[in-house]
């Protein structure tokens, strides 16, 4: 069961990271309360007077929130963000009392002992945020957890500690303001929050009682057996400051726009003639061909290539089945569709990593070229170019191998002089030479591959053919003669014809004399 659930959970989280599709939303916050007085009231085992002290602290809290509606199943276009989370809250410390007089065995004593405390409040959180206007949000949270106190009794030579826990619950509300976007979908916010705690700590023991035995000659500390009747925060409502980092925040207007555009997407899909959903690569091809982006701040003029009707038909299909990440861009696309005007804004495609994996697995040069076109500054550019070189090498060689001609193999070698299939191309050429078994082909092979893989075989075959035909000519001379320019060949042929004609005339004269 665990093996099944874990991949399912991981896949859900991965899909949840796509904010456009899944409403992914988290927040990390740090809170501090500049002033919080805590009143300690209690009695020690041997103290001559009660403890009635007020300690001023600066509580600090660190928390994490996430929206539980992060899957498409629970996706809802409402102006609320629901939160679940946890908080390590109200970390505070201070000195409660020191130097109290006490009486032991009828004798009064003054001691320099001190009693101090440290506390924190781990809680679970739940609540919601509501966008009031612009960058201002209202957040309401409720918490339930444990209040942990650790008391420290420092005596002359020893230090004794004692811990107590109690249930804790509170409610808080705050205003948050977005300062700036630190990075994509990551907003830095500041806030002011008020907090009301409902728990009241009573009968809290701070130190253990001193129980002497007959042989024990030790003297107890001043704060032995201290117990507080109440530990109470004096402020009914506590005020604090907050700094937070929020991921995936949507303004109230964006939610309304997305809600409206979702209805329009549904209408387009229901009325579209294209029944199959377009893939990411189909969407990229549409962007490439119809150029749904700006160049130097202006939209390319596509009126010469496409009519307005063609453009609008494609734009309608694109809006029905493709999902621009930027809501403002999508809103502008719908405005273009409504007004029959081409007024678009450039936007970033968010699926770079997944498309890179698809490209590397496809071994399709066209897809690789498309990736480089859309991501010219990608971190994967070097990998794609290297793979494209290998795949291009293979594709061209396979075409040459399919054609199986001298020209196809030589074209491959010209395009890829250091290609991976250079030896295979040479082998294909020599196989064709052997099939033709002509002197000229062997001579061309030796000229083209002077240090080739089959030089010795070519020389041997050439000598056999020449011996069989009665021609005694070295391979080098034959090659040089074969490689002569066409004009020189014509001149030599003319000279030979003149010599032969003069020789015939001389033979005729000699015969007449006889």
Protein backbone atom coordinates (compact mmCIF):
# COMPACT_ATOMS: atom_id res chain seq x y z
CA UNK A 1 0.00 0.00 0.00
CA UNK A 2 2.82 2.37 0.88
CA UNK A 3 4.48 1.76 -2.49
CA UNK A 4 1.25 2.77 -4.23
CA UNK A 5 0.36 5.78 -2.08
CA UNK A 6 3.78 7.46 -2.11
CA UNK A 7 4.09 7.79 -5.95
CA UNK A 8 0.47 8.97 -6.06
CA UNK A 9 1.18 11.61 -3.43
CA UNK A 10 4.39 12.70 -5.22
CA UNK A 11 2.53 12.99 -8.53
CA UNK A 12 -0.17 15.07 -6.87
CA UNK A 13 2.43 17.43 -5.41
CA UNK A 14 4.18 17.72 -8.77
CA UNK A 15 0.90 18.63 -10.46
CA UNK A 16 0.12 20.97 -7.60
CA UNK A 17 3.23 22.98 -8.45
CA UNK A 18 1.48 24.20 -11.62
CA UNK A 19 -0.33 27.19 -10.16
CA UNK A 20 -2.47 27.84 -13.23
CA UNK A 21 -3.99 24.37 -12.98
CA UNK A 22 -4.03 23.64 -9.26
CA UNK A 23 -4.17 26.75 -7.05
CA UNK A 24 -0.90 25.92 -5.26
CA UNK A 25 -0.39 28.31 -2.33
CA UNK A 26 1.99 28.40 0.68
CA UNK A 27 3.29 30.94 3.20
CA UNK A 28 6.16 31.11 5.68
CA UNK A 29 6.05 33.82 8.34
CA UNK A 30 8.04 35.21 11.27
CA UNK A 31 6.28 37.13 14.05
CA UNK A 32 7.59 39.17 16.97
CA UNK A 33 5.69 40.92 19.78
CA UNK A 34 7.72 43.91 20.99
CA UNK A 35 6.13 44.00 24.45
CA UNK A 36 4.36 41.26 26.42
CA UNK A 37 4.18 41.35 30.28
CA UNK A 38 3.59 38.02 32.06
CA UNK A 39 2.44 37.97 35.69
CA UNK A 40 3.70 35.15 37.97
CA UNK A 41 1.91 34.71 41.30
CA UNK A 42 2.80 31.86 43.67
CA UNK A 43 4.37 30.62 46.89
CA UNK A 44 7.58 28.75 47.71
CA UNK A 45 7.96 25.96 50.25
CA UNK A 46 10.19 28.03 52.58
CA UNK A 47 9.81 31.57 51.22
CA UNK A 48 8.95 34.25 53.77
CA UNK A 49 6.78 36.08 51.24
CA UNK A 50 4.83 35.24 48.12
CA UNK A 51 6.14 35.62 44.59
CA UNK A 52 4.25 38.40 42.85
CA UNK A 53 6.33 39.35 39.81
CA UNK A 54 5.73 40.74 36.32
CA UNK A 55 8.22 39.73 33.61
CA UNK A 56 8.40 41.61 30.29
CA UNK A 57 9.27 39.39 27.30
CA UNK A 58 9.55 39.66 23.51
CA UNK A 59 7.82 36.52 22.14
CA UNK A 60 8.87 35.27 18.71
CA UNK A 61 7.05 32.82 16.44
CA UNK A 62 7.86 30.97 13.23
CA UNK A 63 5.13 29.30 11.17
CA UNK A 64 4.29 27.61 7.89
CA UNK A 65 0.92 27.56 6.09
CA UNK A 66 -0.31 25.79 2.98
CA UNK A 67 -3.59 25.70 1.13
CA UNK A 68 -5.22 22.24 1.34
CA UNK A 69 -7.08 22.94 -1.93
CA UNK A 70 -4.02 22.26 -4.08
CA UNK A 71 -5.33 19.61 -6.47
CA UNK A 72 -7.64 19.99 -9.49
CA UNK A 73 -10.28 18.01 -7.59
CA UNK A 74 -10.68 20.78 -5.01
CA UNK A 75 -9.95 23.72 -7.32
CA UNK A 76 -12.40 26.55 -6.63
CA UNK A 77 -12.50 30.12 -7.88
CA UNK A 78 -13.49 31.86 -4.65
CA UNK A 79 -11.99 34.98 -3.04
CA UNK A 80 -10.70 33.02 -0.04
CA UNK A 81 -7.50 31.10 0.56
CA UNK A 82 -7.95 28.39 3.17
CA UNK A 83 -4.95 27.57 5.31
CA UNK A 84 -3.61 24.64 7.31
CA UNK A 85 -0.23 24.76 9.01
CA UNK A 86 1.90 24.65 12.12
CA UNK A 87 3.69 27.17 14.31
CA UNK A 88 6.57 27.14 16.74
CA UNK A 89 5.22 30.07 18.67
CA UNK A 90 5.72 32.37 21.60
CA UNK A 91 9.34 31.52 22.26
CA UNK A 92 10.17 33.67 25.31
CA UNK A 93 12.36 33.64 28.38
CA UNK A 94 13.17 35.78 31.41
CA UNK A 95 14.06 35.93 35.11
CA UNK A 96 11.14 35.60 37.49
CA UNK A 97 12.72 36.30 40.87
CA UNK A 98 16.05 36.36 42.70
CA UNK A 99 17.48 36.77 46.24
CA UNK A 100 14.31 35.89 48.15
CA UNK A 101 14.53 35.35 51.93
CA UNK A 102 13.38 32.01 53.29
CA UNK A 103 13.17 30.10 56.60
CA UNK A 104 14.47 26.56 57.10
CA UNK A 105 14.56 24.75 60.48
CA UNK A 106 13.50 27.94 62.21
CA UNK A 107 16.40 29.97 60.84
CA UNK A 108 15.97 32.76 58.32
CA UNK A 109 18.42 32.97 55.46
CA UNK A 110 19.02 35.21 52.43
CA UNK A 111 20.26 33.60 49.26
CA UNK A 112 21.43 34.75 45.86
CA UNK A 113 19.45 32.07 44.11
CA UNK A 114 17.44 32.97 40.97
CA UNK A 115 14.35 31.46 39.37
CA UNK A 116 13.98 31.91 35.59
CA UNK A 117 11.86 30.40 32.83
CA UNK A 118 11.77 29.58 29.12
CA UNK A 119 8.58 28.73 27.24
CA UNK A 120 7.28 28.02 23.76
CA UNK A 121 3.98 27.05 22.22
CA UNK A 122 3.89 24.45 19.37
CA UNK A 123 0.45 24.59 17.75
CA UNK A 124 -1.51 23.52 14.72
CA UNK A 125 -3.10 26.29 12.66
CA UNK A 126 -6.17 26.66 10.48
CA UNK A 127 -7.83 29.69 8.94
CA UNK A 128 -8.26 31.73 5.80
CA UNK A 129 -7.06 34.83 3.95
CA UNK A 130 -9.20 37.33 2.07
CA UNK A 131 -7.93 39.92 -0.40
CA UNK A 132 -9.41 43.26 0.66
CA UNK A 133 -8.07 45.47 -2.11
CA UNK A 134 -4.96 45.53 -4.30
CA UNK A 135 -2.00 44.22 -2.30
CA UNK A 136 -3.77 44.25 1.10
CA UNK A 137 -4.97 40.96 2.59
CA UNK A 138 -6.84 40.05 5.76
CA UNK A 139 -5.81 36.79 7.45
CA UNK A 140 -7.62 35.03 10.31
CA UNK A 141 -6.08 32.00 12.06
CA UNK A 142 -6.96 29.80 14.98
CA UNK A 143 -4.40 27.68 16.86
CA UNK A 144 -4.54 24.72 19.22
CA UNK A 145 -1.56 23.07 20.87
CA UNK A 146 0.64 22.85 23.98
CA UNK A 147 2.13 25.51 26.22
CA UNK A 148 5.52 24.31 27.42
CA UNK A 149 7.28 25.91 30.42
CA UNK A 150 10.77 25.06 31.60
CA UNK A 151 11.81 26.57 34.96
CA UNK A 152 15.42 26.85 36.08
CA UNK A 153 16.41 27.19 39.74
CA UNK A 154 19.99 28.40 39.97
CA UNK A 155 21.44 27.74 43.41
CA UNK A 156 24.90 28.46 44.73
CA UNK A 157 26.55 25.32 43.41
CA UNK A 158 23.84 23.58 41.41
CA UNK A 159 21.09 24.28 38.87
CA UNK A 160 17.84 22.36 38.92
CA UNK A 161 15.21 22.36 36.16
CA UNK A 162 11.57 21.40 36.02
CA UNK A 163 9.13 21.31 33.08
CA UNK A 164 5.35 21.66 32.83
CA UNK A 165 2.91 21.56 29.91
CA UNK A 166 -0.68 22.72 29.49
CA UNK A 167 -3.21 22.97 26.67
CA UNK A 168 -3.20 26.20 24.70
CA UNK A 169 -5.57 27.76 22.17
CA UNK A 170 -5.86 31.18 20.59
CA UNK A 171 -7.23 33.19 17.65
CA UNK A 172 -5.44 35.90 15.71
CA UNK A 173 -6.20 38.27 12.89
CA UNK A 174 -3.88 40.43 10.83
CA UNK A 175 -3.46 42.75 7.88
CA UNK A 176 -0.78 41.83 5.36
CA UNK A 177 0.66 44.06 2.66
CA UNK A 178 2.61 42.82 -0.35
CA UNK A 179 5.85 44.81 -0.70
CA UNK A 180 7.36 43.26 -3.81
CA UNK A 181 7.72 40.08 -5.84
CA UNK A 182 11.13 38.60 -4.97
CA UNK A 183 10.92 35.98 -7.70
CA UNK A 184 8.29 34.24 -9.79
CA UNK A 185 5.14 33.73 -7.67
CA UNK A 186 7.12 34.60 -4.51
CA UNK A 187 5.93 37.73 -2.67
CA UNK A 188 7.53 39.50 0.28
CA UNK A 189 4.90 40.81 2.72
CA UNK A 190 4.78 42.69 6.00
CA UNK A 191 1.89 42.62 8.42
CA UNK A 192 0.38 43.69 11.71
CA UNK A 193 -1.47 41.07 13.73
CA UNK A 194 -3.48 40.93 16.96
CA UNK A 195 -3.74 37.81 19.08
CA UNK A 196 -6.11 36.68 21.79
CA UNK A 197 -5.20 33.66 23.96
CA UNK A 198 -7.91 31.91 25.94
CA UNK A 199 -5.88 29.60 28.16
CA UNK A 200 -5.15 30.54 31.79
CA UNK A 201 -2.37 28.62 33.50
CA UNK A 202 -3.13 27.71 37.11
CA UNK A 203 -1.38 25.63 39.77
CA UNK A 204 1.83 25.28 37.80
CA UNK A 205 4.74 23.75 39.70
CA UNK A 206 8.08 25.44 39.08
CA UNK A 207 10.42 23.39 41.33
CA UNK A 208 10.26 20.11 43.22
CA UNK A 209 9.57 20.05 46.94
CA UNK A 210 12.48 19.57 49.30
CA UNK A 211 12.07 16.36 51.36
CA UNK A 212 14.94 16.01 53.84
CA UNK A 213 15.81 12.69 55.46
CA UNK A 214 17.30 12.06 58.86
CA UNK A 215 20.83 11.69 57.51
CA UNK A 216 20.54 14.49 54.91
CA UNK A 217 22.41 17.58 56.07
CA UNK A 218 21.89 19.58 52.86
CA UNK A 219 20.09 22.92 52.90
CA UNK A 220 17.30 23.57 50.38
CA UNK A 221 17.38 26.45 47.91
CA UNK A 222 15.22 29.48 48.39
CA UNK A 223 12.80 28.45 45.61
CA UNK A 224 12.34 24.80 46.62
CA UNK A 225 8.74 23.67 46.23
CA UNK A 226 7.63 26.79 44.34
CA UNK A 227 4.17 26.60 42.84
CA UNK A 228 2.39 29.33 40.86
CA UNK A 229 -1.32 29.76 41.41
CA UNK A 230 -1.56 31.71 38.13
CA UNK A 231 0.64 32.55 35.18
CA UNK A 232 -1.18 35.15 33.15
CA UNK A 233 -0.41 37.52 30.28
CA UNK A 234 -1.45 40.98 31.39
CA UNK A 235 -2.44 42.23 27.94
CA UNK A 236 -5.94 41.05 26.92
CA UNK A 237 -4.99 41.43 23.25
CA UNK A 238 -1.40 41.16 22.09
CA UNK A 239 -0.06 43.06 19.09
CA UNK A 240 2.81 41.90 16.94
CA UNK A 241 4.69 42.51 13.70
CA UNK A 242 5.13 39.98 10.89
CA UNK A 243 7.34 39.37 7.88
CA UNK A 244 6.25 36.64 5.48
CA UNK A 245 7.13 35.05 2.18
CA UNK A 246 4.11 33.88 0.23
CA UNK A 247 4.10 31.65 -2.87
CA UNK A 248 1.26 31.58 -5.37
CA UNK A 249 -0.71 34.56 -4.14
CA UNK A 250 -3.65 35.71 -6.27
CA UNK A 251 -5.34 39.05 -5.93
CA UNK A 252 -9.08 39.27 -5.67
CA UNK A 253 -9.28 40.68 -9.18
CA UNK A 254 -7.15 37.81 -10.58
CA UNK A 255 -9.48 35.30 -8.98
CA UNK A 256 -12.49 36.98 -10.57
CA UNK A 257 -10.76 37.05 -13.95
CA UNK A 258 -9.76 33.40 -13.71
CA UNK A 259 -13.30 32.46 -12.70
CA UNK A 260 -14.73 34.32 -15.70
CA UNK A 261 -12.14 32.94 -18.14
CA UNK A 262 -12.73 29.41 -16.94
CA UNK A 263 -16.38 29.72 -18.02
CA UNK A 264 -15.30 31.06 -21.39
CA UNK A 265 -12.81 28.20 -21.81
CA UNK A 266 -15.59 25.71 -21.13
CA UNK A 267 -17.86 27.33 -23.70
CA UNK A 268 -15.12 27.30 -26.33
CA UNK A 269 -14.30 23.65 -25.68
CA UNK A 270 -17.95 22.61 -25.85
CA UNK A 271 -18.48 24.42 -29.16
CA UNK A 272 -15.12 23.69 -30.77
CA UNK A 273 -14.91 21.44 -33.81
CA UNK A 274 -11.55 20.12 -32.58
CA UNK A 275 -12.50 17.24 -30.31
CA UNK A 276 -9.04 16.16 -29.15
CA UNK A 277 -7.14 18.29 -26.65
CA UNK A 278 -4.07 19.95 -28.12
CA UNK A 279 -0.73 18.85 -26.68
CA UNK A 280 1.97 21.19 -25.41
CA UNK A 281 3.83 20.76 -28.67
CA UNK A 282 0.73 21.60 -30.69
CA UNK A 283 0.41 24.78 -28.65
CA UNK A 284 4.07 25.60 -29.28
CA UNK A 285 3.57 25.07 -33.01
CA UNK A 286 0.60 27.45 -32.99
CA UNK A 287 2.66 30.04 -31.14
CA UNK A 288 5.48 29.63 -33.62
CA UNK A 289 3.35 29.79 -36.78
CA UNK A 290 0.94 32.51 -35.69
CA UNK A 291 3.53 34.32 -33.55
CA UNK A 292 1.52 34.97 -30.40
CA UNK A 293 4.29 37.06 -28.87
CA UNK A 294 5.85 40.50 -29.13
CA UNK A 295 9.06 41.43 -30.91
CA UNK A 296 10.71 44.67 -29.77
CA UNK A 297 7.50 45.67 -28.07
CA UNK A 298 5.36 45.21 -31.19
CA UNK A 299 3.28 42.31 -32.43
CA UNK A 300 4.51 40.92 -35.79
CA UNK A 301 2.16 41.71 -38.67
CA UNK A 302 0.64 38.41 -39.82
CA UNK A 303 -2.00 39.91 -42.14
CA UNK A 304 -0.06 38.96 -45.29
CA UNK A 305 0.29 35.34 -44.20
CA UNK A 306 -3.13 34.72 -42.63
CA UNK A 307 -6.53 36.26 -43.08
CA UNK A 308 -8.32 37.65 -40.04
CA UNK A 309 -10.79 34.75 -40.14
CA UNK A 310 -7.97 32.18 -40.15
CA UNK A 311 -6.24 33.96 -37.32
CA UNK A 312 -9.40 34.11 -35.20
CA UNK A 313 -10.19 30.42 -35.80
CA UNK A 314 -6.75 29.36 -34.62
CA UNK A 315 -6.88 31.77 -31.68
CA UNK A 316 -10.22 30.28 -30.62
CA UNK A 317 -8.78 26.74 -30.63
CA UNK A 318 -5.68 27.95 -28.82
CA UNK A 319 -7.71 29.55 -26.04
CA UNK A 320 -9.91 26.46 -25.76
CA UNK A 321 -7.12 23.91 -25.32
CA UNK A 322 -3.93 25.79 -24.40
CA UNK A 323 -3.31 27.46 -21.06
CA UNK A 324 -1.26 30.67 -21.00
CA UNK A 325 0.30 30.98 -17.57
CA UNK A 326 -0.20 34.72 -17.27
CA UNK A 327 -3.81 35.68 -16.62
CA UNK A 328 -3.24 39.16 -18.04
CA UNK A 329 -2.03 37.60 -21.31
CA UNK A 330 -5.02 35.30 -21.47
CA UNK A 331 -7.37 38.19 -20.76
CA UNK A 332 -5.73 40.12 -23.60
CA UNK A 333 -6.11 37.15 -25.94
CA UNK A 334 -9.83 37.05 -25.25
CA UNK A 335 -9.98 40.79 -25.83
CA UNK A 336 -8.31 40.21 -29.21
CA UNK A 337 -10.81 37.50 -30.06
CA UNK A 338 -13.72 39.78 -29.13
CA UNK A 339 -12.44 42.85 -30.95
CA UNK A 340 -10.95 41.08 -34.00
CA UNK A 341 -7.75 43.03 -33.35
CA UNK A 342 -4.29 41.62 -32.87
CA UNK A 343 -3.18 43.00 -29.49
CA UNK A 344 -1.21 40.39 -27.54
CA UNK A 345 1.42 40.43 -24.77
CA UNK A 346 4.47 38.22 -24.55
CA UNK A 347 4.39 35.52 -21.90
CA UNK A 348 6.71 32.83 -20.59
CA UNK A 349 6.03 29.13 -21.16
CA UNK A 350 6.43 27.35 -17.84
CA UNK A 351 6.99 23.81 -19.05
CA UNK A 352 10.68 24.15 -20.04
CA UNK A 353 11.97 21.22 -17.98
CA UNK A 354 9.22 18.78 -18.98
CA UNK A 355 9.59 19.76 -22.63
CA UNK A 356 13.35 19.27 -22.40
CA UNK A 357 12.75 15.69 -21.21
CA UNK A 358 10.29 15.09 -24.04
CA UNK A 359 12.76 16.42 -26.60
CA UNK A 360 15.62 14.27 -25.34
CA UNK A 361 13.42 11.17 -25.38
CA UNK A 362 11.93 11.85 -28.82
CA UNK A 363 15.14 11.88 -30.93
CA UNK A 364 13.24 14.19 -33.29
CA UNK A 365 15.45 16.95 -34.77
CA UNK A 366 12.41 19.11 -35.57
CA UNK A 367 11.32 19.10 -31.91
CA UNK A 368 14.88 19.95 -30.85
CA UNK A 369 15.00 22.86 -33.26
CA UNK A 370 11.65 24.06 -31.92
CA UNK A 371 12.93 23.85 -28.33
CA UNK A 372 16.00 25.95 -29.18
CA UNK A 373 13.76 28.47 -30.93
CA UNK A 374 11.55 28.91 -27.86
CA UNK A 375 14.29 28.72 -25.24
CA UNK A 376 17.35 30.43 -26.80
CA UNK A 377 18.91 31.04 -23.36
CA UNK A 378 17.91 27.73 -21.78
CA UNK A 379 20.24 25.99 -19.35
CA UNK A 380 19.67 22.86 -21.47
CA UNK A 381 20.84 24.51 -24.69
CA UNK A 382 24.22 22.74 -24.79
CA UNK A 383 22.61 19.33 -24.18
CA UNK A 384 20.02 19.89 -26.91
CA UNK A 385 22.63 21.06 -29.42
CA UNK A 386 24.86 18.06 -28.67
CA UNK A 387 21.93 15.66 -29.04
CA UNK A 388 20.83 17.45 -32.21
CA UNK A 389 24.30 16.96 -33.69
CA UNK A 390 24.20 13.23 -32.94
CA UNK A 391 20.63 12.75 -34.12
CA UNK A 392 21.21 14.86 -37.24
CA UNK A 393 24.29 12.80 -38.07
CA UNK A 394 22.30 9.59 -37.75
CA UNK A 395 19.29 10.88 -39.73
CA UNK A 396 21.41 12.01 -42.68
CA UNK A 397 23.36 8.75 -42.72
CA UNK A 398 20.16 6.70 -42.65
CA UNK A 399 18.89 8.65 -45.67
CA UNK A 400 22.19 8.06 -47.46
CA UNK A 401 22.04 4.37 -46.58
CA UNK A 402 18.47 4.14 -47.86
CA UNK A 403 19.40 5.84 -51.17
CA UNK A 404 22.59 3.72 -51.39
CA UNK A 405 24.25 5.85 -54.10
CA UNK A 406 27.69 7.37 -54.51
CA UNK A 407 26.18 10.86 -54.28
CA UNK A 408 24.22 10.19 -51.07
CA UNK A 409 27.27 8.81 -49.26
CA UNK A 410 29.53 11.62 -50.48
CA UNK A 411 26.93 14.23 -49.41
CA UNK A 412 26.89 12.73 -45.93
CA UNK A 413 30.72 12.86 -45.74
CA UNK A 414 30.70 16.49 -46.91
CA UNK A 415 28.10 17.46 -44.30
CA UNK A 416 29.70 15.44 -41.50
CA UNK A 417 33.43 15.08 -42.25
CA UNK A 418 34.02 13.82 -38.72
CA UNK A 419 30.66 12.08 -38.33
CA UNK A 420 30.05 8.96 -36.31
CA UNK A 421 29.22 6.95 -39.42
CA UNK A 422 32.17 7.99 -41.58
CA UNK A 423 33.56 4.44 -41.80
CA UNK A 424 30.11 3.03 -42.63
CA UNK A 425 29.74 5.60 -45.42
CA UNK A 426 33.15 4.64 -46.86
CA UNK A 427 32.19 0.98 -46.64
CA UNK A 428 28.98 1.70 -48.56
CA UNK A 429 30.94 3.51 -51.28
CA UNK A 430 33.46 0.68 -51.64
CA UNK A 431 30.64 -1.88 -51.80
CA UNK A 432 29.17 0.05 -54.76
CA UNK A 433 32.65 0.16 -56.38
CA UNK A 434 32.95 -3.61 -56.04
CA UNK A 435 29.51 -4.11 -57.55
CA UNK A 436 30.38 -1.96 -60.60
CA UNK A 437 33.91 -3.47 -60.84
CA UNK A 438 35.14 -0.71 -63.14
CA UNK A 439 38.64 0.69 -63.33
CA UNK A 440 37.37 4.25 -63.17
CA UNK A 441 35.41 3.64 -59.93
CA UNK A 442 38.40 2.04 -58.24
CA UNK A 443 40.58 4.94 -59.31
CA UNK A 444 38.09 7.51 -57.93
CA UNK A 445 37.88 5.61 -54.63
CA UNK A 446 41.70 5.62 -54.28
CA UNK A 447 41.80 9.33 -55.04
CA UNK A 448 39.01 10.14 -52.55
CA UNK A 449 40.30 7.83 -49.79
CA UNK A 450 44.12 7.65 -50.11
CA UNK A 451 44.33 6.28 -46.57
CA UNK A 452 40.97 4.52 -46.60
CA UNK A 453 39.93 1.27 -45.02
CA UNK A 454 39.93 -0.65 -48.32
CA UNK A 455 42.97 0.78 -50.14
CA UNK A 456 44.82 -2.54 -50.38
CA UNK A 457 41.71 -4.32 -51.66
CA UNK A 458 41.10 -1.58 -54.23
CA UNK A 459 44.71 -1.72 -55.51
CA UNK A 460 44.57 -5.49 -55.79
CA UNK A 461 41.25 -5.43 -57.65
CA UNK A 462 42.49 -2.68 -59.98
CA UNK A 463 45.63 -4.66 -60.86
CA UNK A 464 43.59 -7.76 -61.59
CA UNK A 465 41.28 -5.86 -63.95
CA UNK A 466 44.24 -4.23 -65.76
CA UNK A 467 46.09 -7.56 -66.06
CA UNK A 468 43.01 -9.20 -67.48
CA UNK A 469 42.58 -6.40 -70.05
CA UNK A 470 46.31 -6.28 -70.92
CA UNK A 471 46.85 -2.76 -69.63
CA UNK A 472 50.10 -2.18 -67.79
CA UNK A 473 49.64 1.04 -65.88
CA UNK A 474 50.38 1.95 -62.32
CA UNK A 475 47.36 2.93 -60.23
CA UNK A 476 48.84 6.35 -59.50
CA UNK A 477 49.32 7.17 -63.21
CA UNK A 478 45.84 5.99 -63.96
CA UNK A 479 44.35 8.14 -61.27
CA UNK A 480 46.31 11.22 -62.44
CA UNK A 481 45.17 10.67 -65.99
CA UNK A 482 41.60 10.14 -64.88
CA UNK A 483 41.63 13.30 -62.76
CA UNK A 484 42.96 15.56 -65.58
CA UNK A 485 40.82 18.63 -66.38
CA UNK A 486 38.42 18.20 -69.24
CA UNK A 487 40.21 20.72 -71.52
CA UNK A 488 43.57 18.96 -71.13
CA UNK A 489 41.95 15.66 -71.96
CA UNK A 490 40.56 17.17 -75.16
CA UNK A 491 43.97 18.63 -76.11
CA UNK A 492 45.75 15.35 -75.61
CA UNK A 493 43.08 13.54 -77.63
CA UNK A 494 43.52 16.07 -80.48
CA UNK A 495 47.31 15.64 -80.43
CA UNK A 496 46.90 11.90 -80.57
CA UNK A 497 44.52 12.22 -83.53
CA UNK A 498 47.01 14.50 -85.38
CA UNK A 499 49.86 12.08 -84.76
CA UNK A 500 47.82 9.20 -86.01
CA UNK A 501 46.82 11.10 -89.18
CA UNK A 502 50.43 12.14 -89.90
CA UNK A 503 51.59 8.59 -89.40
CA UNK A 504 48.97 7.39 -91.89
CA UNK A 505 50.13 9.96 -94.49
CA UNK A 506 53.77 8.93 -94.08
CA UNK A 507 52.80 5.28 -94.57
CA UNK A 508 50.94 6.15 -97.82
CA UNK A 509 53.97 8.08 -99.21
CA UNK A 510 56.30 5.24 -98.41
CA UNK A 511 54.01 2.77 -100.17
CA UNK A 512 53.89 4.95 -103.37
CA UNK A 513 57.67 5.17 -103.54
CA UNK A 514 57.88 1.47 -103.33
